[in-house]
N, C-alpha and C. Protein backbone atom coordinates (compact mmCIF):
# COMPACT_ATOMS: atom_id res chain seq x y z
N MET A 1 -161.64 -18.22 -203.93
CA MET A 1 -161.02 -18.09 -202.65
C MET A 1 -162.05 -17.68 -201.61
N PHE A 2 -162.91 -16.75 -201.98
CA PHE A 2 -163.93 -16.31 -201.03
C PHE A 2 -164.85 -17.47 -200.65
N PHE A 3 -165.18 -18.30 -201.62
CA PHE A 3 -166.05 -19.44 -201.34
C PHE A 3 -165.42 -20.37 -200.31
N GLN A 4 -164.14 -20.70 -200.48
CA GLN A 4 -163.44 -21.58 -199.55
C GLN A 4 -163.32 -20.95 -198.15
N LEU A 5 -163.01 -19.67 -198.12
CA LEU A 5 -162.90 -18.96 -196.85
C LEU A 5 -164.25 -18.92 -196.14
N ASN A 6 -165.30 -18.65 -196.89
CA ASN A 6 -166.65 -18.60 -196.32
C ASN A 6 -167.08 -19.97 -195.81
N LYS A 7 -166.73 -21.02 -196.54
CA LYS A 7 -167.04 -22.39 -196.13
C LYS A 7 -166.36 -22.72 -194.80
N TRP A 8 -165.08 -22.38 -194.68
CA TRP A 8 -164.34 -22.61 -193.44
C TRP A 8 -164.95 -21.81 -192.29
N ALA A 9 -165.24 -20.53 -192.53
CA ALA A 9 -165.78 -19.66 -191.49
C ALA A 9 -167.15 -20.14 -191.03
N THR A 10 -167.98 -20.60 -191.94
CA THR A 10 -169.30 -21.11 -191.59
C THR A 10 -169.18 -22.33 -190.69
N SER A 11 -168.21 -23.20 -190.95
CA SER A 11 -168.02 -24.38 -190.10
C SER A 11 -167.58 -24.00 -188.69
N LYS A 12 -167.00 -22.82 -188.54
CA LYS A 12 -166.55 -22.33 -187.22
C LYS A 12 -167.54 -21.35 -186.61
N HIS A 13 -168.69 -21.18 -187.27
CA HIS A 13 -169.74 -20.24 -186.82
C HIS A 13 -169.24 -18.80 -186.81
N ILE A 14 -168.48 -18.46 -187.85
CA ILE A 14 -167.98 -17.10 -188.01
C ILE A 14 -168.62 -16.52 -189.27
N SER A 15 -169.14 -15.31 -189.15
CA SER A 15 -169.73 -14.70 -190.34
C SER A 15 -168.70 -13.78 -190.99
N ILE A 16 -168.69 -13.79 -192.32
CA ILE A 16 -167.74 -12.99 -193.09
C ILE A 16 -168.54 -12.04 -193.98
N GLY A 17 -168.10 -10.80 -194.02
CA GLY A 17 -168.71 -9.83 -194.92
C GLY A 17 -167.78 -9.56 -196.09
N LYS A 18 -168.36 -9.38 -197.26
CA LYS A 18 -167.56 -9.10 -198.45
C LYS A 18 -168.02 -7.77 -199.04
N PRO A 19 -167.11 -6.78 -199.05
CA PRO A 19 -167.51 -5.50 -199.63
C PRO A 19 -167.67 -5.62 -201.14
N ASP A 20 -168.72 -5.04 -201.65
CA ASP A 20 -168.97 -5.06 -203.09
C ASP A 20 -168.86 -3.65 -203.65
N GLY A 21 -168.68 -3.56 -204.92
CA GLY A 21 -168.70 -2.27 -205.57
C GLY A 21 -167.34 -1.59 -205.59
N ILE A 22 -167.41 -0.28 -205.73
CA ILE A 22 -166.23 0.54 -205.94
C ILE A 22 -165.27 0.56 -204.75
N ALA A 23 -165.78 0.35 -203.54
CA ALA A 23 -164.94 0.43 -202.33
C ALA A 23 -164.21 -0.87 -202.02
N SER A 24 -164.53 -1.95 -202.70
CA SER A 24 -163.96 -3.26 -202.33
C SER A 24 -162.44 -3.29 -202.40
N LYS A 25 -161.86 -2.69 -203.43
CA LYS A 25 -160.40 -2.69 -203.57
C LYS A 25 -159.77 -1.81 -202.49
N ALA A 26 -160.34 -0.67 -202.20
CA ALA A 26 -159.80 0.24 -201.18
C ALA A 26 -159.83 -0.41 -199.81
N ILE A 27 -160.89 -1.15 -199.51
CA ILE A 27 -161.00 -1.81 -198.21
C ILE A 27 -159.93 -2.89 -198.08
N ALA A 28 -159.75 -3.69 -199.12
CA ALA A 28 -158.74 -4.74 -199.09
C ALA A 28 -157.34 -4.15 -198.94
N HIS A 29 -157.05 -3.12 -199.70
CA HIS A 29 -155.72 -2.48 -199.61
C HIS A 29 -155.52 -1.84 -198.25
N GLY A 30 -156.55 -1.20 -197.72
CA GLY A 30 -156.46 -0.59 -196.39
C GLY A 30 -156.22 -1.61 -195.30
N SER A 31 -156.88 -2.76 -195.40
CA SER A 31 -156.69 -3.84 -194.42
C SER A 31 -155.26 -4.34 -194.44
N LEU A 32 -154.74 -4.61 -195.62
CA LEU A 32 -153.37 -5.10 -195.73
C LEU A 32 -152.37 -4.04 -195.27
N SER A 33 -152.61 -2.81 -195.63
CA SER A 33 -151.72 -1.73 -195.21
C SER A 33 -151.69 -1.62 -193.69
N TRP A 34 -152.85 -1.70 -193.05
CA TRP A 34 -152.91 -1.62 -191.58
C TRP A 34 -152.17 -2.79 -190.96
N LEU A 35 -152.36 -3.99 -191.51
CA LEU A 35 -151.70 -5.18 -190.98
C LEU A 35 -150.18 -5.06 -191.07
N ILE A 36 -149.70 -4.60 -192.21
CA ILE A 36 -148.25 -4.48 -192.41
C ILE A 36 -147.65 -3.40 -191.52
N ARG A 37 -148.31 -2.27 -191.39
CA ARG A 37 -147.77 -1.15 -190.61
C ARG A 37 -147.87 -1.36 -189.12
N SER A 38 -148.79 -2.21 -188.69
CA SER A 38 -148.96 -2.41 -187.25
C SER A 38 -148.28 -3.69 -186.78
N ALA A 39 -147.27 -4.13 -187.49
CA ALA A 39 -146.54 -5.33 -187.10
C ALA A 39 -145.87 -5.11 -185.75
N VAL A 40 -145.60 -6.19 -185.06
CA VAL A 40 -144.99 -6.12 -183.74
C VAL A 40 -143.62 -5.48 -183.84
N GLN A 41 -143.40 -4.44 -183.05
CA GLN A 41 -142.10 -3.77 -183.04
C GLN A 41 -141.35 -4.03 -181.74
N LEU A 42 -142.06 -4.50 -180.70
CA LEU A 42 -141.44 -4.75 -179.42
C LEU A 42 -142.16 -5.90 -178.75
N ARG A 43 -141.42 -6.81 -178.21
CA ARG A 43 -142.01 -7.91 -177.45
C ARG A 43 -141.61 -7.74 -175.99
N ILE A 44 -142.57 -7.95 -175.11
CA ILE A 44 -142.31 -7.83 -173.68
C ILE A 44 -142.47 -9.21 -173.06
N ALA A 45 -141.42 -9.70 -172.44
CA ALA A 45 -141.45 -11.02 -171.82
C ALA A 45 -142.20 -10.96 -170.50
N LYS A 46 -143.12 -11.92 -170.29
CA LYS A 46 -143.85 -11.99 -169.03
C LYS A 46 -143.07 -12.78 -167.98
N PHE A 47 -142.09 -13.55 -168.41
CA PHE A 47 -141.33 -14.40 -167.51
C PHE A 47 -139.85 -14.30 -167.86
N HIS A 48 -139.01 -14.77 -166.95
CA HIS A 48 -137.58 -14.92 -167.25
C HIS A 48 -137.43 -16.27 -167.95
N TYR A 49 -136.61 -16.32 -168.99
CA TYR A 49 -136.31 -17.57 -169.65
C TYR A 49 -134.80 -17.78 -169.57
N GLY A 50 -134.39 -18.99 -169.23
CA GLY A 50 -132.98 -19.28 -169.12
C GLY A 50 -132.77 -20.69 -168.61
N ALA A 51 -131.61 -20.91 -168.03
CA ALA A 51 -131.27 -22.24 -167.52
C ALA A 51 -130.27 -22.11 -166.38
N GLU A 52 -130.23 -23.15 -165.56
CA GLU A 52 -129.20 -23.20 -164.53
C GLU A 52 -127.91 -23.70 -165.17
N THR A 53 -126.82 -23.11 -164.75
CA THR A 53 -125.52 -23.48 -165.30
C THR A 53 -124.48 -23.27 -164.21
N ASP A 54 -123.24 -23.40 -164.54
CA ASP A 54 -122.19 -23.04 -163.59
C ASP A 54 -121.45 -21.85 -164.15
N ALA A 55 -120.78 -21.12 -163.26
CA ALA A 55 -120.09 -19.90 -163.66
C ALA A 55 -118.76 -19.79 -162.94
N VAL A 56 -117.87 -19.03 -163.52
CA VAL A 56 -116.58 -18.77 -162.88
C VAL A 56 -116.83 -18.05 -161.56
N TYR A 57 -116.20 -18.51 -160.50
CA TYR A 57 -116.39 -17.94 -159.17
C TYR A 57 -115.85 -16.51 -159.12
N ASP A 58 -116.65 -15.62 -158.57
CA ASP A 58 -116.27 -14.22 -158.38
C ASP A 58 -116.48 -13.89 -156.91
N SER A 59 -115.40 -13.67 -156.19
CA SER A 59 -115.50 -13.43 -154.75
C SER A 59 -116.24 -12.14 -154.42
N HIS A 60 -116.36 -11.24 -155.38
CA HIS A 60 -117.06 -9.97 -155.15
C HIS A 60 -118.57 -10.06 -155.45
N ASP A 61 -119.00 -11.15 -156.05
CA ASP A 61 -120.42 -11.34 -156.40
C ASP A 61 -121.15 -11.92 -155.19
N ARG A 62 -122.07 -11.15 -154.63
CA ARG A 62 -122.79 -11.59 -153.42
C ARG A 62 -123.64 -12.84 -153.67
N ALA A 63 -124.08 -13.04 -154.91
CA ALA A 63 -124.89 -14.22 -155.23
C ALA A 63 -124.07 -15.50 -155.13
N MET A 64 -122.75 -15.39 -155.20
CA MET A 64 -121.89 -16.57 -155.14
C MET A 64 -121.34 -16.84 -153.75
N SER A 65 -121.48 -15.90 -152.84
CA SER A 65 -120.90 -16.09 -151.51
C SER A 65 -121.65 -17.21 -150.78
N GLY A 66 -120.88 -18.06 -150.13
CA GLY A 66 -121.44 -19.17 -149.39
C GLY A 66 -121.76 -20.40 -150.24
N ARG A 67 -121.57 -20.31 -151.52
CA ARG A 67 -121.83 -21.46 -152.39
C ARG A 67 -120.61 -22.37 -152.46
N ARG A 68 -120.88 -23.64 -152.65
CA ARG A 68 -119.82 -24.62 -152.78
C ARG A 68 -119.10 -24.43 -154.11
N ARG A 69 -117.79 -24.38 -154.07
CA ARG A 69 -116.99 -24.17 -155.27
C ARG A 69 -116.35 -25.48 -155.70
N PHE A 70 -115.98 -25.54 -156.99
CA PHE A 70 -115.27 -26.70 -157.51
C PHE A 70 -114.30 -26.22 -158.58
N HIS A 71 -113.35 -27.07 -158.94
CA HIS A 71 -112.40 -26.75 -160.00
C HIS A 71 -112.72 -27.62 -161.21
N ASN A 72 -112.84 -27.00 -162.37
CA ASN A 72 -113.10 -27.77 -163.58
C ASN A 72 -111.80 -28.28 -164.17
N ILE A 73 -111.87 -28.95 -165.31
CA ILE A 73 -110.70 -29.55 -165.94
C ILE A 73 -109.66 -28.52 -166.36
N LEU A 74 -110.10 -27.26 -166.56
CA LEU A 74 -109.16 -26.20 -166.93
C LEU A 74 -108.53 -25.53 -165.72
N GLY A 75 -108.94 -25.96 -164.52
CA GLY A 75 -108.39 -25.39 -163.31
C GLY A 75 -109.12 -24.15 -162.82
N GLU A 76 -110.24 -23.81 -163.47
CA GLU A 76 -111.02 -22.64 -163.05
C GLU A 76 -111.84 -22.97 -161.82
N THR A 77 -111.93 -22.02 -160.90
CA THR A 77 -112.82 -22.18 -159.76
C THR A 77 -114.21 -21.73 -160.20
N ARG A 78 -115.18 -22.63 -160.05
CA ARG A 78 -116.53 -22.37 -160.53
C ARG A 78 -117.56 -22.65 -159.44
N VAL A 79 -118.77 -22.16 -159.68
CA VAL A 79 -119.90 -22.37 -158.77
C VAL A 79 -121.04 -22.94 -159.60
N ARG A 80 -121.73 -23.94 -159.05
CA ARG A 80 -122.85 -24.57 -159.75
C ARG A 80 -124.16 -23.83 -159.45
N TYR A 81 -125.17 -24.14 -160.27
CA TYR A 81 -126.55 -23.69 -160.08
C TYR A 81 -126.71 -22.17 -160.11
N ILE A 82 -126.04 -21.54 -161.06
CA ILE A 82 -126.20 -20.11 -161.29
C ILE A 82 -127.21 -19.96 -162.43
N TRP A 83 -128.16 -19.05 -162.26
CA TRP A 83 -129.17 -18.82 -163.30
C TRP A 83 -128.59 -17.97 -164.40
N LYS A 84 -128.65 -18.46 -165.62
CA LYS A 84 -128.19 -17.72 -166.79
C LYS A 84 -129.42 -17.34 -167.59
N SER A 85 -129.72 -16.07 -167.61
CA SER A 85 -130.92 -15.58 -168.28
C SER A 85 -130.69 -15.45 -169.78
N ILE A 86 -131.68 -15.93 -170.55
CA ILE A 86 -131.66 -15.77 -172.00
C ILE A 86 -132.52 -14.56 -172.36
N VAL A 87 -133.71 -14.50 -171.76
CA VAL A 87 -134.63 -13.38 -171.93
C VAL A 87 -135.09 -12.96 -170.55
N SER A 88 -134.95 -11.70 -170.22
CA SER A 88 -135.35 -11.21 -168.91
C SER A 88 -136.76 -10.65 -168.94
N LYS A 89 -137.47 -10.87 -167.85
CA LYS A 89 -138.79 -10.30 -167.70
C LYS A 89 -138.66 -8.79 -167.64
N VAL A 90 -139.54 -8.11 -168.32
CA VAL A 90 -139.52 -6.65 -168.31
C VAL A 90 -140.47 -6.18 -167.23
N LEU A 91 -139.96 -5.45 -166.28
CA LEU A 91 -140.80 -4.87 -165.25
C LEU A 91 -141.27 -3.53 -165.76
N THR A 92 -142.58 -3.40 -165.89
CA THR A 92 -143.14 -2.20 -166.47
C THR A 92 -144.04 -1.50 -165.47
N SER A 93 -144.23 -0.24 -165.66
CA SER A 93 -145.20 0.50 -164.88
C SER A 93 -146.21 1.10 -165.84
N GLY A 94 -147.47 0.89 -165.56
CA GLY A 94 -148.50 1.46 -166.42
C GLY A 94 -148.92 0.56 -167.56
N ILE A 95 -148.27 -0.58 -167.73
CA ILE A 95 -148.67 -1.52 -168.76
C ILE A 95 -149.23 -2.75 -168.08
N ASP A 96 -150.45 -3.09 -168.40
CA ASP A 96 -151.09 -4.24 -167.79
C ASP A 96 -150.61 -5.51 -168.48
N MET A 97 -149.95 -6.35 -167.75
CA MET A 97 -149.41 -7.60 -168.29
C MET A 97 -150.30 -8.75 -167.87
N ILE A 98 -151.19 -9.18 -168.75
CA ILE A 98 -152.09 -10.30 -168.43
C ILE A 98 -151.61 -11.55 -169.10
């Protein structure tokens, strides 16, 4: 396995070090342990994700005032082109979002 990994890394101009001796097992176990324990616990969205849709008209919703209304087949009064968010952008302070 090391030979194949080293062959791939060499083709990408990446150097790989292989610990030898008594510490080799501890290093491998420590690496895996760090990887498992530092798994992603929170994702922060940089953008809003969603789609335009229509929604039931609400006369108290300021976002719907002045919009053209229509009646669907069920007789509901609805408004077109309302943004329906699936994932909202997180506004953070103190976290650099690049």
